[in-house]
Amino acid sequence: MRNHGACEVDAATAPIDELTHAQLAPADFECRLPATFGATRDALRALACYVIAPARKAQIGRIGLAPRGRGFGTPPFEDGSVIAVDADRLARRNGDDAPITTLRAAARFVGVELSATPGVGDDLPAYQPDVMLAVDAAASLALGAWYSFGSNALSQLRARYGARWNVSIEQLWPEHFDIGITLEGHDVQRTSIGCSPGDAYTSVPYLYVAPSNIRDLDDPFWDAPFGATLSRDELFAERDTEERAVGFYERALTRLDVEQP
């Protein structure tokens, strides 16, 4: 993997949705993650679970989030506004933003009731409303770049296979903090496909394909308890990373097509 140092994106030069995948790639993807990436990812997962997703749920009854250029947040509300993370700041619906500090401060800022049981899943991070969230701007932008990269690969997959199989819309699930789609059809079992920033399985960001039933899949390609993975390190070891990502997904789907019981 080529070493470009830490992912360097100027947090002050563009609003949340102005940086597209093309503007971020390739240099900002093909670089070493900041040492603060893991702590920042975990802090932002807590923010997603206890503040951002509950804020959307309170408005429309849904918890799914979405990549948003330099970060992540809610899909647009009816008035076109969003609640979103931009580097180390939290932006709310009226356009104001504030530094990310604690869950309690963030909940007060966006106007949502803070709860230890936010109703966004069962596998939640620790509820620590007054502990400072360790969010580093560079690491947060690296997370946003990874989500943007994964989102673009998933969009290509949906475009290629949407006519053949039933493919869901893309969602960023706060509980597991990954972005993903589900796919199923008469010739392929229901399968989750996505992009994780790292989790209990591995701290390294990775792409994944997770069939609903892996009992009969004995090909070494299926290297994880839940299916198949391709780590960020492996992905960026060579050029043409975007095509390699889509190719990984397609290889998995080809195997599922052949290996259906």
Protein backbone atom coordinates (compact mmCIF):
# COMPACT_ATOMS: atom_id res chain seq x y z
CA MET A 1 0.00 0.00 0.00
CA ARG A 2 1.32 3.44 -0.88
CA ASN A 3 1.92 5.61 2.17
CA HIS A 4 0.46 9.10 1.92
CA GLY A 5 0.61 9.72 5.67
CA ALA A 6 -2.61 10.58 7.49
CA CYS A 7 -5.69 11.29 5.35
CA GLU A 8 -5.49 15.02 4.83
CA VAL A 9 -8.76 16.75 3.97
CA ASP A 10 -9.22 20.39 4.93
CA ALA A 11 -12.08 20.39 7.41
CA ALA A 12 -12.67 24.11 6.93
CA THR A 13 -12.92 24.43 3.16
CA ALA A 14 -16.17 22.72 2.19
CA PRO A 15 -19.60 22.11 3.72
CA ILE A 16 -20.91 18.65 4.45
CA ASP A 17 -22.11 17.57 1.02
CA GLU A 18 -19.70 19.36 -1.32
CA LEU A 19 -16.93 16.75 -1.33
CA THR A 20 -17.88 13.99 -3.73
CA HIS A 21 -16.26 10.59 -4.04
CA ALA A 22 -14.31 11.80 -7.07
CA GLN A 23 -12.96 14.80 -5.15
CA LEU A 24 -11.86 12.64 -2.23
CA ALA A 25 -10.21 9.90 -4.32
CA PRO A 26 -7.67 8.57 -4.80
CA ALA A 27 -5.07 10.09 -2.48
CA ASP A 28 -7.37 10.50 0.51
CA PHE A 29 -8.41 6.84 0.35
CA GLU A 30 -5.06 5.25 -0.38
CA CYS A 31 -3.33 6.30 2.82
CA ARG A 32 -2.63 5.05 6.29
CA LEU A 33 -5.42 5.61 8.74
CA PRO A 34 -4.68 8.06 11.56
CA ALA A 35 -3.69 6.42 14.85
CA THR A 36 -6.84 7.97 16.30
CA PHE A 37 -9.13 6.20 13.83
CA GLY A 38 -10.32 3.42 16.17
CA ALA A 39 -11.16 5.72 19.06
CA THR A 40 -12.88 8.19 16.73
CA ARG A 41 -14.90 5.42 15.05
CA ASP A 42 -16.10 4.13 18.42
CA ALA A 43 -17.03 7.62 19.63
CA LEU A 44 -18.96 8.40 16.47
CA ARG A 45 -20.75 5.05 16.66
CA ALA A 46 -21.97 6.06 20.12
CA LEU A 47 -23.09 9.41 18.73
CA ALA A 48 -24.96 7.64 15.93
CA CYS A 49 -26.69 5.22 18.31
CA TYR A 50 -27.68 7.63 21.08
CA VAL A 51 -28.19 10.94 19.29
CA ILE A 52 -28.34 11.02 15.49
CA ALA A 53 -30.44 7.91 14.77
CA PRO A 54 -32.84 8.65 17.67
CA ALA A 55 -33.28 12.18 16.31
CA ARG A 56 -34.41 10.73 12.97
CA LYS A 57 -36.57 8.12 14.70
CA ALA A 58 -38.31 10.83 16.70
CA GLN A 59 -39.22 12.63 13.48
CA ILE A 60 -40.19 9.85 11.06
CA GLY A 61 -39.92 6.53 12.92
CA ARG A 62 -36.83 5.31 11.03
CA ILE A 63 -33.26 4.83 12.23
CA GLY A 64 -31.24 4.30 9.04
CA LEU A 65 -28.48 6.84 8.39
CA ALA A 66 -26.40 7.61 5.30
CA PRO A 67 -22.89 8.64 4.22
CA ARG A 68 -22.77 12.40 3.72
CA GLY A 69 -19.62 13.35 1.76
CA ARG A 70 -17.20 14.20 4.58
CA GLY A 71 -19.05 12.22 7.24
CA PHE A 72 -22.45 10.67 7.88
CA GLY A 73 -25.85 11.65 9.17
CA THR A 74 -29.56 11.46 8.53
CA PRO A 75 -31.03 11.37 5.06
CA PRO A 76 -32.72 14.70 4.31
CA PHE A 77 -35.85 15.51 6.29
CA GLU A 78 -38.93 16.82 4.47
CA ASP A 79 -37.56 20.36 4.52
CA GLY A 80 -34.26 19.18 2.97
CA SER A 81 -32.23 19.62 6.15
CA VAL A 82 -30.04 16.99 7.83
CA ILE A 83 -28.30 16.20 11.10
CA ALA A 84 -24.77 15.19 10.30
CA VAL A 85 -21.18 14.77 11.42
CA ASP A 86 -18.62 16.93 9.61
CA ALA A 87 -15.09 16.17 10.86
CA ASP A 88 -15.20 16.95 14.61
CA ARG A 89 -18.41 18.99 14.48
CA LEU A 90 -22.10 18.18 14.54
CA ALA A 91 -24.43 20.08 12.21
CA ARG A 92 -28.14 20.35 12.89
CA ARG A 93 -31.21 21.01 10.80
CA ASN A 94 -31.13 24.81 10.83
CA GLY A 95 -27.56 24.95 9.55
CA ASP A 96 -25.81 25.61 12.87
CA ASP A 97 -22.94 23.42 13.98
CA ALA A 98 -21.09 22.79 17.22
CA PRO A 99 -18.00 20.87 18.35
CA ILE A 100 -18.62 17.25 19.29
CA THR A 101 -18.07 16.93 23.04
CA THR A 102 -20.41 14.61 24.97
CA LEU A 103 -23.56 12.66 24.15
CA ARG A 104 -25.54 14.87 26.50
CA ALA A 105 -24.34 18.06 24.84
CA ALA A 106 -25.01 16.62 21.37
CA ALA A 107 -28.54 15.53 22.31
CA ARG A 108 -29.28 18.98 23.69
CA PHE A 109 -27.87 20.59 20.53
CA VAL A 110 -30.06 18.60 18.11
CA GLY A 111 -33.09 18.61 20.42
CA VAL A 112 -33.54 14.92 21.13
CA GLU A 113 -34.18 13.19 24.46
CA LEU A 114 -31.16 11.18 25.55
CA SER A 115 -31.86 7.59 26.63
CA ALA A 116 -29.84 4.53 27.56
CA THR A 117 -32.34 2.53 25.47
CA PRO A 118 -32.59 4.50 22.22
CA GLY A 119 -34.42 1.81 20.27
CA VAL A 120 -31.86 1.43 17.50
CA GLY A 121 -30.74 -2.15 18.21
CA ASP A 122 -29.46 -4.38 20.99
CA ASP A 123 -25.69 -4.47 20.36
CA LEU A 124 -24.98 -0.95 21.56
CA PRO A 125 -21.83 0.81 22.75
CA ALA A 126 -21.56 1.78 26.40
CA TYR A 127 -23.95 4.51 27.47
CA GLN A 128 -21.73 7.24 28.89
CA PRO A 129 -23.61 10.50 28.45
CA ASP A 130 -21.06 12.78 30.12
CA VAL A 131 -17.78 11.24 28.95
CA MET A 132 -15.93 13.28 26.34
CA LEU A 133 -16.18 11.71 22.88
CA ALA A 134 -12.69 11.24 21.47
CA VAL A 135 -13.34 12.54 17.95
CA ASP A 136 -10.31 13.57 15.94
CA ALA A 137 -11.08 15.62 12.82
CA ALA A 138 -8.62 13.82 10.54
CA ALA A 139 -9.82 10.39 11.67
CA SER A 140 -13.46 11.42 11.24
CA LEU A 141 -12.75 12.58 7.70
CA ALA A 142 -10.97 9.27 7.00
CA LEU A 143 -14.12 7.49 8.18
CA GLY A 144 -16.21 9.66 5.88
CA ALA A 145 -13.89 8.85 2.98
CA TRP A 146 -14.22 5.11 3.66
CA TYR A 147 -18.01 5.37 3.76
CA SER A 148 -17.98 7.39 0.53
CA PHE A 149 -15.79 4.80 -1.15
CA GLY A 150 -18.01 1.93 -0.01
CA SER A 151 -21.17 3.78 -0.97
CA ASN A 152 -19.89 4.32 -4.49
CA ALA A 153 -19.00 0.62 -4.87
CA LEU A 154 -22.43 -0.42 -3.61
CA SER A 155 -24.10 2.02 -5.99
CA GLN A 156 -22.27 0.41 -8.89
CA LEU A 157 -23.38 -3.01 -7.71
CA ARG A 158 -27.00 -1.89 -7.48
CA ALA A 159 -26.82 -0.42 -10.97
CA ARG A 160 -25.40 -3.65 -12.43
CA TYR A 161 -27.70 -6.13 -10.68
CA GLY A 162 -30.83 -4.21 -9.72
CA ALA A 163 -32.70 -5.53 -12.75
CA ARG A 164 -31.80 -9.16 -11.99
CA TRP A 165 -32.29 -9.28 -8.22
CA ASN A 166 -34.23 -7.42 -5.57
CA VAL A 167 -31.75 -4.95 -4.11
CA SER A 168 -32.54 -2.75 -1.11
CA ILE A 169 -31.62 0.89 -0.70
CA GLU A 170 -28.32 1.60 0.99
CA GLN A 171 -28.42 2.23 4.74
CA LEU A 172 -25.89 3.08 7.42
CA TRP A 173 -27.02 1.09 10.44
CA PRO A 174 -26.10 2.80 13.73
CA GLU A 175 -25.90 -0.40 15.78
CA HIS A 176 -23.14 -1.99 13.70
CA PHE A 177 -22.01 1.30 12.11
CA ASP A 178 -21.67 -0.23 8.64
CA ILE A 179 -23.26 0.74 5.35
CA GLY A 180 -24.95 -2.02 3.43
CA ILE A 181 -27.59 -3.32 1.08
CA THR A 182 -29.48 -6.60 0.94
CA LEU A 183 -29.91 -8.59 -2.23
CA GLU A 184 -32.02 -11.64 -3.03
CA GLY A 185 -33.64 -13.41 -5.98
CA HIS A 186 -34.86 -16.76 -7.23
CA ASP A 187 -31.26 -17.84 -7.95
CA VAL A 188 -29.47 -16.34 -4.95
CA GLN A 189 -30.26 -16.40 -1.25
CA ARG A 190 -30.84 -13.24 0.77
CA THR A 191 -27.42 -11.68 1.23
CA SER A 192 -26.11 -8.62 3.05
CA ILE A 193 -23.36 -6.72 1.25
CA GLY A 194 -21.54 -3.80 2.73
CA CYS A 195 -18.66 -1.80 4.07
CA SER A 196 -17.60 -1.79 7.74
CA PRO A 197 -15.22 0.66 9.43
CA GLY A 198 -14.11 -2.13 11.77
CA ASP A 199 -15.87 -3.78 14.68
CA ALA A 200 -15.65 -6.64 17.16
CA TYR A 201 -14.70 -9.01 14.35
CA THR A 202 -11.66 -6.95 13.32
CA SER A 203 -10.54 -3.40 14.02
CA VAL A 204 -9.46 -2.97 10.38
CA PRO A 205 -12.08 -1.53 7.98
CA TYR A 206 -13.34 -4.13 5.52
CA LEU A 207 -15.84 -4.98 2.81
CA TYR A 208 -18.13 -7.94 3.43
CA VAL A 209 -20.63 -10.31 1.86
CA ALA A 210 -22.84 -12.12 4.39
CA PRO A 211 -25.27 -14.74 3.05
CA SER A 212 -28.21 -15.62 5.28
CA ASN A 213 -27.15 -19.29 5.20
CA ILE A 214 -23.45 -20.16 5.05
CA ARG A 215 -23.66 -23.78 6.23
CA ASP A 216 -23.20 -25.22 2.75
CA LEU A 217 -20.54 -22.77 1.59
CA ASP A 218 -17.21 -24.61 2.03
CA ASP A 219 -15.14 -22.61 -0.48
CA PRO A 220 -12.10 -20.98 1.27
CA PHE A 221 -13.34 -17.71 -0.21
CA TRP A 222 -15.79 -17.60 2.69
CA ASP A 223 -13.17 -16.60 5.27
CA ALA A 224 -15.31 -15.18 8.08
CA PRO A 225 -17.93 -16.70 10.40
CA PHE A 226 -20.59 -14.66 8.60
CA GLY A 227 -19.32 -14.89 5.01
CA ALA A 228 -16.46 -13.29 3.09
CA THR A 229 -14.36 -10.18 3.73
CA LEU A 230 -11.80 -8.00 1.99
CA SER A 231 -9.81 -5.73 4.29
CA ARG A 232 -9.01 -2.13 3.53
CA ASP A 233 -5.31 -3.01 3.67
CA GLU A 234 -5.74 -5.71 1.02
CA LEU A 235 -7.93 -3.46 -1.07
CA PHE A 236 -5.44 -0.60 -1.22
CA ALA A 237 -2.41 -2.81 -1.76
CA GLU A 238 -2.92 -2.35 -5.51
CA ARG A 239 -4.37 0.22 -7.88
CA ASP A 240 -7.92 0.27 -9.29
CA THR A 241 -9.34 0.00 -5.79
CA GLU A 242 -12.91 0.82 -6.76
CA GLU A 243 -13.04 -1.86 -9.43
CA ARG A 244 -11.41 -4.32 -7.02
CA ALA A 245 -14.15 -3.61 -4.48
CA VAL A 246 -16.93 -4.22 -7.00
CA GLY A 247 -15.04 -7.28 -8.26
CA PHE A 248 -14.92 -8.72 -4.74
CA TYR A 249 -18.67 -8.35 -4.40
CA GLU A 250 -19.24 -9.91 -7.83
CA ARG A 251 -17.02 -12.90 -7.06
CA ALA A 252 -19.06 -13.58 -3.97
CA LEU A 253 -22.33 -13.33 -5.86
CA THR A 254 -21.02 -15.68 -8.55
CA ARG A 255 -20.14 -18.25 -5.90
CA LEU A 256 -23.54 -17.91 -4.29
CA ASP A 257 -25.22 -18.37 -7.66
CA VAL A 258 -23.26 -21.58 -8.24
CA GLU A 259 -23.36 -22.91 -4.67
CA GLN A 260 -27.04 -22.59 -3.91
CA PRO A 261 -28.19 -25.79 -2.12
